[in-house]
Every structure is written in structure tokens, then in C-alpha cells.
Amino acid sequence: MKKQIIDIIAEYLDVNPDELLDYKTLVDVNIDSLDFAEIMFEIEEKFDVEIMFEMQSHKNEIGNLGDVVRLIETLIVKQKASQSADDGE
């Protein structure tokens, strides 16, 4: 999942995915708040989830790209598990 997330960010920024290292901050890779929102929409579409609201509530936990990717992965897994549980009822 990490590779898919990085690929989405790289495609949006038009950069090589290898340039998006975990330790780089959003400022380092020129992601502003509008870019971040657009990237989140693309990720939501790709994974068929709605995580933007939860990402906003966890913004204090984001220091670099590694944090962003880990948080996105966690939220996607959490939402997919919830969707599966709802489907099973």
C-alpha cells in the first residue's frame, strides 16, 4: 500500500517516487494545503475510502512524508475493516 500511496503523490507532484523519502517534510517536497487536499482526494478515489476528515483531525501527528503515509495506511485499513464489518451484518 505504501508504494501505491507514494506513486499517487509522485504522480501529482510530477516527480520520481524515489525522491519522496520518509524524512522529507511536506514543505521539502512543495506540498501546500491545497495540494494536500487534492492528493487526499486522489487517494480516497483510488482506495474507495473517505479519510480526509480523519486526516485533518490527526494533522498534529504529521511531521514528514513517512508520517503521512503511515497515517493514510492506518486510516485506510481501519475504514476497510469497518466496511467489511458493516457488510457482514
Protein backbone atom coordinates (compact mmCIF):
# COMPACT_ATOMS: atom_id res chain seq x y z
CA MET A 1 0.00 0.00 0.00
CA LYS A 2 2.88 2.39 0.77
CA LYS A 3 4.15 2.16 -2.81
CA GLN A 4 0.69 2.96 -4.18
CA ILE A 5 0.38 6.00 -1.91
CA ILE A 6 3.85 7.25 -2.82
CA ASP A 7 3.09 6.70 -6.51
CA ILE A 8 -0.08 8.82 -6.22
CA ILE A 9 1.85 11.62 -4.51
CA ALA A 10 4.69 11.40 -7.03
CA GLU A 11 2.30 11.50 -9.98
CA TYR A 12 0.50 14.52 -8.54
CA LEU A 13 3.82 16.34 -7.96
CA ASP A 14 5.27 15.09 -11.25
CA VAL A 15 8.40 13.77 -9.53
CA ASN A 16 10.18 10.43 -9.32
CA PRO A 17 8.77 8.36 -6.43
CA ASP A 18 12.37 7.73 -5.28
CA GLU A 19 12.59 11.43 -4.37
CA LEU A 20 9.79 11.09 -1.81
CA LEU A 21 11.76 9.90 1.17
CA ASP A 22 10.10 9.33 4.55
CA TYR A 23 12.11 12.01 6.34
CA LYS A 24 11.18 14.80 3.91
CA THR A 25 8.61 17.30 5.12
CA LEU A 26 5.65 18.44 3.07
CA VAL A 27 7.45 21.77 2.64
CA ASP A 28 10.56 19.94 1.35
CA VAL A 29 8.51 18.44 -1.48
CA ASN A 30 6.42 21.58 -2.07
CA ILE A 31 3.06 20.26 -0.88
CA ASP A 32 0.83 23.07 0.34
CA SER A 33 -2.61 22.66 1.90
CA LEU A 34 -4.42 22.72 -1.46
CA ASP A 35 -2.02 20.12 -2.89
CA PHE A 36 -2.52 18.00 0.22
CA ALA A 37 -6.29 18.11 -0.19
CA GLU A 38 -6.05 17.17 -3.88
CA ILE A 39 -3.71 14.28 -3.08
CA MET A 40 -6.09 13.05 -0.36
CA PHE A 41 -8.99 13.11 -2.83
CA GLU A 42 -6.95 11.03 -5.27
CA ILE A 43 -6.07 8.54 -2.53
CA GLU A 44 -9.71 8.35 -1.42
CA GLU A 45 -10.74 7.62 -5.00
CA LYS A 46 -8.02 5.00 -5.53
CA PHE A 47 -8.78 3.10 -2.32
CA ASP A 48 -12.54 3.81 -2.21
CA VAL A 49 -12.37 5.34 1.26
CA GLU A 50 -13.16 8.69 2.89
CA ILE A 51 -10.24 9.72 5.08
CA MET A 52 -9.91 13.48 4.59
CA PHE A 53 -11.83 14.40 7.74
CA GLU A 54 -9.81 12.00 9.87
CA MET A 55 -6.55 13.23 8.32
CA GLN A 56 -7.48 16.75 9.41
CA SER A 57 -8.13 15.61 12.97
CA HIS A 58 -4.65 13.98 13.08
CA LYS A 59 -2.74 16.87 11.49
CA ASN A 60 -0.66 17.37 14.65
CA GLU A 61 0.83 13.91 14.10
CA ILE A 62 2.20 14.80 10.65
CA GLY A 63 5.83 15.86 10.59
CA ASN A 64 7.07 14.30 7.38
CA LEU A 65 6.06 12.10 4.44
CA GLY A 66 6.63 8.93 6.45
CA ASP A 67 4.06 10.15 8.98
CA VAL A 68 1.61 10.99 6.20
CA VAL A 69 1.94 7.57 4.57
CA ARG A 70 1.66 5.67 7.88
CA LEU A 71 -1.42 7.66 8.89
CA ILE A 72 -3.06 7.13 5.49
CA GLU A 73 -2.33 3.39 5.68
CA THR A 74 -3.76 3.18 9.20
CA LEU A 75 -6.92 5.08 8.25
CA ILE A 76 -7.47 3.02 5.09
CA VAL A 77 -7.09 -0.27 6.97
CA LYS A 78 -9.39 0.98 9.74
CA GLN A 79 -12.06 2.10 7.27
CA LYS A 80 -11.83 -1.06 5.17
CA ALA A 81 -12.24 -3.16 8.33
CA SER A 82 -15.27 -1.10 9.30
CA GLN A 83 -16.74 -1.51 5.81
CA SER A 84 -16.20 -5.27 5.99
CA ALA A 85 -17.88 -5.44 9.38
CA ASP A 86 -20.83 -3.43 8.06
CA ASP A 87 -21.12 -5.73 5.04
CA GLY A 88 -21.21 -8.76 7.31
CA GLU A 89 -24.22 -7.53 9.27
